[in-house]
Amino acid sequence: QGYYTDAEESLKIAIELANNTKDLPQEAAPHCLLAQTYEELDTKSKAKNAWEGCSKFAKNPDNPEEDVWQKEAYKQLNR
């Protein structure tokens, strides 16, 4: 929808909450969506870091989106 700055802030909060909460596992979604947001904002160095997080956490075989994100992360990190 084009609200990239708002998305960036919300996704960073989601990642921080998971980092600071023992019982809340880190999920791939906020990392992968943040990477895509940074790509749209043309902030490549931040995008690379987010793609690394995406790749690290996209391991759920029951979530088909994570398979797509894993492939995109690989592509972005190896270009």
PDB file of N, CA and C in Angstrom:
ATOM      1  N   GLN A   1       0.807  -1.194   0.000  1.00  0.00           N
ATOM      2  CA  GLN A   1       0.000   0.000   0.000  1.00  0.00           C
ATOM      3  C   GLN A   1       0.849   1.256   0.000  1.00  0.00           C
ATOM      4  N   GLY A   2       2.154   1.095   0.124  1.00  0.00           N
ATOM      5  CA  GLY A   2       3.044   2.231   0.021  1.00  0.00           C
ATOM      6  C   GLY A   2       3.396   2.907   1.332  1.00  0.00           C
ATOM      7  N   TYR A   3       2.967   2.381   2.452  1.00  0.00           N
ATOM      8  CA  TYR A   3       3.281   2.975   3.760  1.00  0.00           C
ATOM      9  C   TYR A   3       4.572   2.368   4.309  1.00  0.00           C
ATOM     10  N   TYR A   4       5.636   2.544   3.574  1.00  0.00           N
ATOM     11  CA  TYR A   4       6.889   1.862   3.907  1.00  0.00           C
ATOM     12  C   TYR A   4       7.515   2.334   5.207  1.00  0.00           C
ATOM     13  N   THR A   5       7.457   3.612   5.490  1.00  0.00           N
ATOM     14  CA  THR A   5       8.040   4.119   6.733  1.00  0.00           C
ATOM     15  C   THR A   5       7.271   3.584   7.933  1.00  0.00           C
ATOM     16  N   ASP A   6       5.952   3.567   7.844  1.00  0.00           N
ATOM     17  CA  ASP A   6       5.137   3.002   8.923  1.00  0.00           C
ATOM     18  C   ASP A   6       5.409   1.513   9.078  1.00  0.00           C
ATOM     19  N   ALA A   7       5.509   0.814   7.965  1.00  0.00           N
ATOM     20  CA  ALA A   7       5.789  -0.624   7.995  1.00  0.00           C
ATOM     21  C   ALA A   7       7.142  -0.879   8.646  1.00  0.00           C
ATOM     22  N   GLU A   8       8.135  -0.082   8.274  1.00  0.00           N
ATOM     23  CA  GLU A   8       9.478  -0.249   8.842  1.00  0.00           C
ATOM     24  C   GLU A   8       9.430  -0.167  10.364  1.00  0.00           C
ATOM     25  N   GLU A   9       8.775   0.839  10.890  1.00  0.00           N
ATOM     26  CA  GLU A   9       8.713   1.011  12.345  1.00  0.00           C
ATOM     27  C   GLU A   9       7.987  -0.149  13.023  1.00  0.00           C
ATOM     28  N   SER A  10       6.869  -0.560  12.473  1.00  0.00           N
ATOM     29  CA  SER A  10       6.102  -1.664  13.065  1.00  0.00           C
ATOM     30  C   SER A  10       6.878  -2.970  13.034  1.00  0.00           C
ATOM     31  N   LEU A  11       7.552  -3.243  11.933  1.00  0.00           N
ATOM     32  CA  LEU A  11       8.318  -4.485  11.806  1.00  0.00           C
ATOM     33  C   LEU A  11       9.527  -4.497  12.733  1.00  0.00           C
ATOM     34  N   LYS A  12      10.177  -3.361  12.895  1.00  0.00           N
ATOM     35  CA  LYS A  12      11.300  -3.271  13.830  1.00  0.00           C
ATOM     36  C   LYS A  12      10.829  -3.520  15.259  1.00  0.00           C
ATOM     37  N   ILE A  13       9.654  -3.013  15.603  1.00  0.00           N
ATOM     38  CA  ILE A  13       9.095  -3.247  16.937  1.00  0.00           C
ATOM     39  C   ILE A  13       8.803  -4.731  17.127  1.00  0.00           C
ATOM     40  N   ALA A  14       8.229  -5.384  16.125  1.00  0.00           N
ATOM     41  CA  ALA A  14       7.930  -6.818  16.217  1.00  0.00           C
ATOM     42  C   ALA A  14       9.203  -7.631  16.437  1.00  0.00           C
ATOM     43  N   ILE A  15      10.252  -7.296  15.728  1.00  0.00           N
ATOM     44  CA  ILE A  15      11.530  -8.011  15.878  1.00  0.00           C
ATOM     45  C   ILE A  15      12.107  -7.768  17.263  1.00  0.00           C
ATOM     46  N   GLU A  16      12.054  -6.533  17.729  1.00  0.00           N
ATOM     47  CA  GLU A  16      12.588  -6.200  19.049  1.00  0.00           C
ATOM     48  C   GLU A  16      11.809  -6.909  20.155  1.00  0.00           C
ATOM     49  N   LEU A  17      10.494  -6.965  20.031  1.00  0.00           N
ATOM     50  CA  LEU A  17       9.683  -7.664  21.028  1.00  0.00           C
ATOM     51  C   LEU A  17      10.069  -9.135  21.108  1.00  0.00           C
ATOM     52  N   ALA A  18      10.246  -9.772  19.971  1.00  0.00           N
ATOM     53  CA  ALA A  18      10.640 -11.183  19.967  1.00  0.00           C
ATOM     54  C   ALA A  18      12.029 -11.364  20.550  1.00  0.00           C
ATOM     55  N   ASN A  19      12.920 -10.423  20.287  1.00  0.00           N
ATOM     56  CA  ASN A  19      14.277 -10.502  20.837  1.00  0.00           C
ATOM     57  C   ASN A  19      14.281 -10.380  22.351  1.00  0.00           C
ATOM     58  N   ASN A  20      13.334  -9.618  22.902  1.00  0.00           N
ATOM     59  CA  ASN A  20      13.335  -9.312  24.328  1.00  0.00           C
ATOM     60  C   ASN A  20      12.344 -10.134  25.145  1.00  0.00           C
ATOM     61  N   THR A  21      11.689 -11.105  24.521  1.00  0.00           N
ATOM     62  CA  THR A  21      10.699 -11.921  25.216  1.00  0.00           C
ATOM     63  C   THR A  21      11.094 -13.383  25.106  1.00  0.00           C
ATOM     64  N   LYS A  22      11.391 -13.994  26.246  1.00  0.00           N
ATOM     65  CA  LYS A  22      11.870 -15.378  26.247  1.00  0.00           C
ATOM     66  C   LYS A  22      10.894 -16.357  25.614  1.00  0.00           C
ATOM     67  N   ASP A  23       9.611 -16.201  25.889  1.00  0.00           N
ATOM     68  CA  ASP A  23       8.620 -17.171  25.426  1.00  0.00           C
ATOM     69  C   ASP A  23       8.083 -16.877  24.035  1.00  0.00           C
ATOM     70  N   LEU A  24       8.563 -15.832  23.392  1.00  0.00           N
ATOM     71  CA  LEU A  24       8.086 -15.470  22.060  1.00  0.00           C
ATOM     72  C   LEU A  24       9.177 -15.794  21.049  1.00  0.00           C
ATOM     73  N   PRO A  25       8.963 -16.818  20.224  1.00  0.00           N
ATOM     74  CA  PRO A  25      10.013 -17.195  19.268  1.00  0.00           C
ATOM     75  C   PRO A  25      10.169 -16.155  18.166  1.00  0.00           C
ATOM     76  N   GLN A  26      11.358 -16.055  17.672  1.00  0.00           N
ATOM     77  CA  GLN A  26      11.624 -15.154  16.545  1.00  0.00           C
ATOM     78  C   GLN A  26      11.061 -15.800  15.287  1.00  0.00           C
ATOM     79  N   GLU A  27      10.281 -15.061  14.554  1.00  0.00           N
ATOM     80  CA  GLU A  27       9.653 -15.564  13.335  1.00  0.00           C
ATOM     81  C   GLU A  27      10.312 -14.921  12.113  1.00  0.00           C
ATOM     82  N   ALA A  28      10.185 -15.567  10.984  1.00  0.00           N
ATOM     83  CA  ALA A  28      10.766 -15.057   9.744  1.00  0.00           C
ATOM     84  C   ALA A  28      10.003 -13.862   9.192  1.00  0.00           C
ATOM     85  N   ALA A  29       8.688 -13.852   9.355  1.00  0.00           N
ATOM     86  CA  ALA A  29       7.846 -12.850   8.697  1.00  0.00           C
ATOM     87  C   ALA A  29       8.311 -11.408   8.885  1.00  0.00           C
ATOM     88  N   PRO A  30       8.549 -10.939  10.108  1.00  0.00           N
ATOM     89  CA  PRO A  30       8.938  -9.530  10.209  1.00  0.00           C
ATOM     90  C   PRO A  30      10.280  -9.236   9.547  1.00  0.00           C
ATOM     91  N   HIS A  31      11.202 -10.181   9.602  1.00  0.00           N
ATOM     92  CA  HIS A  31      12.505  -9.985   8.955  1.00  0.00           C
ATOM     93  C   HIS A  31      12.353  -9.916   7.437  1.00  0.00           C
ATOM     94  N   CYS A  32      11.572 -10.848   6.896  1.00  0.00           N
ATOM     95  CA  CYS A  32      11.392 -10.911   5.440  1.00  0.00           C
ATOM     96  C   CYS A  32      10.620  -9.706   4.923  1.00  0.00           C
ATOM     97  N   LEU A  33       9.587  -9.320   5.645  1.00  0.00           N
ATOM     98  CA  LEU A  33       8.815  -8.147   5.236  1.00  0.00           C
ATOM     99  C   LEU A  33       9.620  -6.866   5.397  1.00  0.00           C
ATOM    100  N   LEU A  34      10.460  -6.804   6.438  1.00  0.00           N
ATOM    101  CA  LEU A  34      11.323  -5.637   6.615  1.00  0.00           C
ATOM    102  C   LEU A  34      12.337  -5.552   5.473  1.00  0.00           C
ATOM    103  N   ALA A  35      12.874  -6.677   5.061  1.00  0.00           N
ATOM    104  CA  ALA A  35      13.819  -6.686   3.937  1.00  0.00           C
ATOM    105  C   ALA A  35      13.152  -6.149   2.675  1.00  0.00           C
ATOM    106  N   GLN A  36      11.928  -6.583   2.424  1.00  0.00           N
ATOM    107  CA  GLN A  36      11.203  -6.097   1.249  1.00  0.00           C
ATOM    108  C   GLN A  36      10.913  -4.600   1.372  1.00  0.00           C
ATOM    109  N   THR A  37      10.609  -4.161   2.574  1.00  0.00           N
ATOM    110  CA  THR A  37      10.364  -2.737   2.820  1.00  0.00           C
ATOM    111  C   THR A  37      11.614  -1.925   2.529  1.00  0.00           C
ATOM    112  N   TYR A  38      12.760  -2.392   3.016  1.00  0.00           N
ATOM    113  CA  TYR A  38      14.017  -1.686   2.757  1.00  0.00           C
ATOM    114  C   TYR A  38      14.350  -1.667   1.271  1.00  0.00           C
ATOM    115  N   GLU A  39      14.020  -2.734   0.567  1.00  0.00           N
ATOM    116  CA  GLU A  39      14.245  -2.746  -0.884  1.00  0.00           C
ATOM    117  C   GLU A  39      13.427  -1.621  -1.535  1.00  0.00           C
ATOM    118  N   GLU A  40      12.189  -1.473  -1.104  1.00  0.00           N
ATOM    119  CA  GLU A  40      11.338  -0.419  -1.657  1.00  0.00           C
ATOM    120  C   GLU A  40      11.844   0.976  -1.281  1.00  0.00           C
ATOM    121  N   LEU A  41      12.427   1.087  -0.088  1.00  0.00           N
ATOM    122  CA  LEU A  41      12.970   2.371   0.366  1.00  0.00           C
ATOM    123  C   LEU A  41      14.370   2.622  -0.184  1.00  0.00           C
ATOM    124  N   ASP A  42      14.907   1.647  -0.930  1.00  0.00           N
ATOM    125  CA  ASP A  42      16.233   1.734  -1.541  1.00  0.00           C
ATOM    126  C   ASP A  42      17.341   1.945  -0.506  1.00  0.00           C
ATOM    127  N   THR A  43      17.241   1.222   0.601  1.00  0.00           N
ATOM    128  CA  THR A  43      18.288   1.223   1.615  1.00  0.00           C
ATOM    129  C   THR A  43      18.914  -0.173   1.635  1.00  0.00           C
ATOM    130  N   LYS A  44      19.831  -0.376   0.706  1.00  0.00           N
ATOM    131  CA  LYS A  44      20.389  -1.706   0.429  1.00  0.00           C
ATOM    132  C   LYS A  44      21.136  -2.321   1.604  1.00  0.00           C
ATOM    133  N   SER A  45      21.885  -1.532   2.372  1.00  0.00           N
ATOM    134  CA  SER A  45      22.641  -2.119   3.478  1.00  0.00           C
ATOM    135  C   SER A  45      21.686  -2.620   4.564  1.00  0.00           C
ATOM    136  N   LYS A  46      20.637  -1.885   4.832  1.00  0.00           N
ATOM    137  CA  LYS A  46      19.647  -2.345   5.801  1.00  0.00           C
ATOM    138  C   LYS A  46      18.893  -3.553   5.246  1.00  0.00           C
ATOM    139  N   ALA A  47      18.625  -3.541   3.960  1.00  0.00           N
ATOM    140  CA  ALA A  47      17.927  -4.665   3.336  1.00  0.00           C
ATOM    141  C   ALA A  47      18.754  -5.935   3.486  1.00  0.00           C
ATOM    142  N   LYS A  48      20.061  -5.833   3.285  1.00  0.00           N
ATOM    143  CA  LYS A  48      20.925  -7.010   3.395  1.00  0.00           C
ATOM    144  C   LYS A  48      20.839  -7.617   4.794  1.00  0.00           C
ATOM    145  N   ASN A  49      20.882  -6.785   5.819  1.00  0.00           N
ATOM    146  CA  ASN A  49      20.786  -7.288   7.190  1.00  0.00           C
ATOM    147  C   ASN A  49      19.441  -7.962   7.431  1.00  0.00           C
ATOM    148  N   ALA A  50      18.386  -7.363   6.916  1.00  0.00           N
ATOM    149  CA  ALA A  50      17.062  -7.950   7.092  1.00  0.00           C
ATOM    150  C   ALA A  50      16.936  -9.262   6.314  1.00  0.00           C
ATOM    151  N   TRP A  51      17.527  -9.323   5.107  1.00  0.00           N
ATOM    152  CA  TRP A  51      17.510 -10.587   4.344  1.00  0.00           C
ATOM    153  C   TRP A  51      18.254 -11.674   5.101  1.00  0.00           C
ATOM    154  N   GLU A  52      19.329 -11.312   5.791  1.00  0.00           N
ATOM    155  CA  GLU A  52      20.056 -12.304   6.590  1.00  0.00           C
ATOM    156  C   GLU A  52      19.170 -12.863   7.700  1.00  0.00           C
ATOM    157  N   GLY A  53      18.426 -11.982   8.377  1.00  0.00           N
ATOM    158  CA  GLY A  53      17.480 -12.446   9.399  1.00  0.00           C
ATOM    159  C   GLY A  53      16.382 -13.300   8.795  1.00  0.00           C
ATOM    160  N   CYS A  54      15.902 -12.898   7.637  1.00  0.00           N
ATOM    161  CA  CYS A  54      14.880 -13.659   6.935  1.00  0.00           C
ATOM    162  C   CYS A  54      15.389 -15.066   6.651  1.00  0.00           C
ATOM    163  N   SER A  55      16.572 -15.166   6.115  1.00  0.00           N
ATOM    164  CA  SER A  55      17.160 -16.465   5.780  1.00  0.00           C
ATOM    165  C   SER A  55      17.355 -17.321   7.030  1.00  0.00           C
ATOM    166  N   LYS A  56      17.772 -16.685   8.096  1.00  0.00           N
ATOM    167  CA  LYS A  56      18.034 -17.404   9.348  1.00  0.00           C
ATOM    168  C   LYS A  56      16.767 -18.017   9.938  1.00  0.00           C
ATOM    169  N   PHE A  57      15.654 -17.295   9.875  1.00  0.00           N
ATOM    170  CA  PHE A  57      14.447 -17.744  10.556  1.00  0.00           C
ATOM    171  C   PHE A  57      13.413 -18.417   9.651  1.00  0.00           C
ATOM    172  N   ALA A  58      13.590 -18.369   8.343  1.00  0.00           N
ATOM    173  CA  ALA A  58      12.624 -18.981   7.415  1.00  0.00           C
ATOM    174  C   ALA A  58      12.889 -20.475   7.311  1.00  0.00           C
ATOM    175  N   LYS A  59      12.479 -21.204   8.309  1.00  0.00           N
ATOM    176  CA  LYS A  59      12.764 -22.644   8.390  1.00  0.00           C
ATOM    177  C   LYS A  59      11.515 -23.491   8.587  1.00  0.00           C
ATOM    178  N   ASN A  60      10.332 -22.896   8.559  1.00  0.00           N
ATOM    179  CA  ASN A  60       9.108 -23.632   8.837  1.00  0.00           C
ATOM    180  C   ASN A  60       8.588 -24.303   7.566  1.00  0.00           C
ATOM    181  N   PRO A  61       8.701 -25.625   7.460  1.00  0.00           N
ATOM    182  CA  PRO A  61       8.265 -26.314   6.237  1.00  0.00           C
ATOM    183  C   PRO A  61       6.746 -26.277   6.045  1.00  0.00           C
ATOM    184  N   ASP A  62       6.000 -25.952   7.099  1.00  0.00           N
ATOM    185  CA  ASP A  62       4.544 -25.888   7.003  1.00  0.00           C
ATOM    186  C   ASP A  62       4.035 -24.538   6.503  1.00  0.00           C
ATOM    187  N   ASN A  63       4.932 -23.590   6.313  1.00  0.00           N
ATOM    188  CA  ASN A  63       4.541 -22.261   5.850  1.00  0.00           C
ATOM    189  C   ASN A  63       5.120 -22.028   4.453  1.00  0.00           C
ATOM    190  N   PRO A  64       4.293 -22.113   3.415  1.00  0.00           N
ATOM    191  CA  PRO A  64       4.809 -21.965   2.045  1.00  0.00           C
ATOM    192  C   PRO A  64       5.418 -20.581   1.768  1.00  0.00           C
ATOM    193  N   GLU A  65       4.973 -19.559   2.487  1.00  0.00           N
ATOM    194  CA  GLU A  65       5.562 -18.230   2.299  1.00  0.00           C
ATOM    195  C   GLU A  65       7.040 -18.234   2.665  1.00  0.00           C
ATOM    196  N   GLU A  66       7.382 -19.006   3.693  1.00  0.00           N
ATOM    197  CA  GLU A  66       8.773 -19.036   4.123  1.00  0.00           C
ATOM    198  C   GLU A  66       9.674 -19.651   3.066  1.00  0.00           C
ATOM    199  N   ASP A  67       9.161 -20.587   2.299  1.00  0.00           N
ATOM    200  CA  ASP A  67       9.931 -21.159   1.200  1.00  0.00           C
ATOM    201  C   ASP A  67      10.221 -20.085   0.154  1.00  0.00           C
ATOM    202  N   VAL A  68       9.213 -19.306  -0.170  1.00  0.00           N
ATOM    203  CA  VAL A  68       9.377 -18.203  -1.136  1.00  0.00           C
ATOM    204  C   VAL A  68      10.363 -17.180  -0.589  1.00  0.00           C
ATOM    205  N   TRP A  69      10.203 -16.824   0.691  1.00  0.00           N
ATOM    206  CA  TRP A  69      11.103 -15.837   1.298  1.00  0.00           C
ATOM    207  C   TRP A  69      12.540 -16.353   1.347  1.00  0.00           C
ATOM    208  N   GLN A  70      12.702 -17.626   1.651  1.00  0.00           N
ATOM    209  CA  GLN A  70      14.048 -18.211   1.716  1.00  0.00           C
ATOM    210  C   GLN A  70      14.740 -18.107   0.359  1.00  0.00           C
ATOM    211  N   LYS A  71      14.004 -18.399  -0.697  1.00  0.00           N
ATOM    212  CA  LYS A  71      14.573 -18.295  -2.043  1.00  0.00           C
ATOM    213  C   LYS A  71      14.918 -16.846  -2.389  1.00  0.00           C
ATOM    214  N   GLU A  72      14.049 -15.925  -2.027  1.00  0.00           N
ATOM    215  CA  GLU A  72      14.312 -14.506  -2.298  1.00  0.00           C
ATOM    216  C   GLU A  72      15.505 -14.012  -1.487  1.00  0.00           C
ATOM    217  N   ALA A  73      15.595 -14.437  -0.236  1.00  0.00           N
ATOM    218  CA  ALA A  73      16.734 -14.050   0.600  1.00  0.00           C
ATOM    219  C   ALA A  73      18.035 -14.556  -0.025  1.00  0.00           C
ATOM    220  N   TYR A  74      18.042 -15.800  -0.468  1.00  0.00           N
ATOM    221  CA  TYR A  74      19.234 -16.361  -1.102  1.00  0.00           C
ATOM    222  C   TYR A  74      19.615 -15.537  -2.333  1.00  0.00           C
ATOM    223  N   LYS A  75      18.629 -15.232  -3.149  1.00  0.00           N
ATOM    224  CA  LYS A  75      18.865 -14.437  -4.360  1.00  0.00           C
ATOM    225  C   LYS A  75      19.449 -13.064  -4.025  1.00  0.00           C
ATOM    226  N   GLN A  76      18.850 -12.401  -3.034  1.00  0.00           N
ATOM    227  CA  GLN A  76      19.292 -11.055  -2.680  1.00  0.00           C
ATOM    228  C   GLN A  76      20.680 -11.048  -2.033  1.00  0.00           C
ATOM    229  N   LEU A  77      20.969 -12.065  -1.245  1.00  0.00           N
ATOM    230  CA  LEU A  77      22.259 -12.117  -0.557  1.00  0.00           C
ATOM    231  C   LEU A  77      23.399 -12.570  -1.462  1.00  0.00           C
ATOM    232  N   ASN A  78      23.064 -13.150  -2.613  1.00  0.00           N
ATOM    233  CA  ASN A  78      24.085 -13.648  -3.535  1.00  0.00           C
ATOM    234  C   ASN A  78      24.129 -12.916  -4.851  1.00  0.00           C
ATOM    235  N   ARG A  79      23.666 -11.693  -4.868  1.00  0.00           N
ATOM    236  CA  ARG A  79      23.717 -10.929  -6.106  1.00  0.00           C
ATOM    237  C   ARG A  79      24.954 -10.077  -6.158  1.00  0.00           C
TER     238      ARG A  79
END
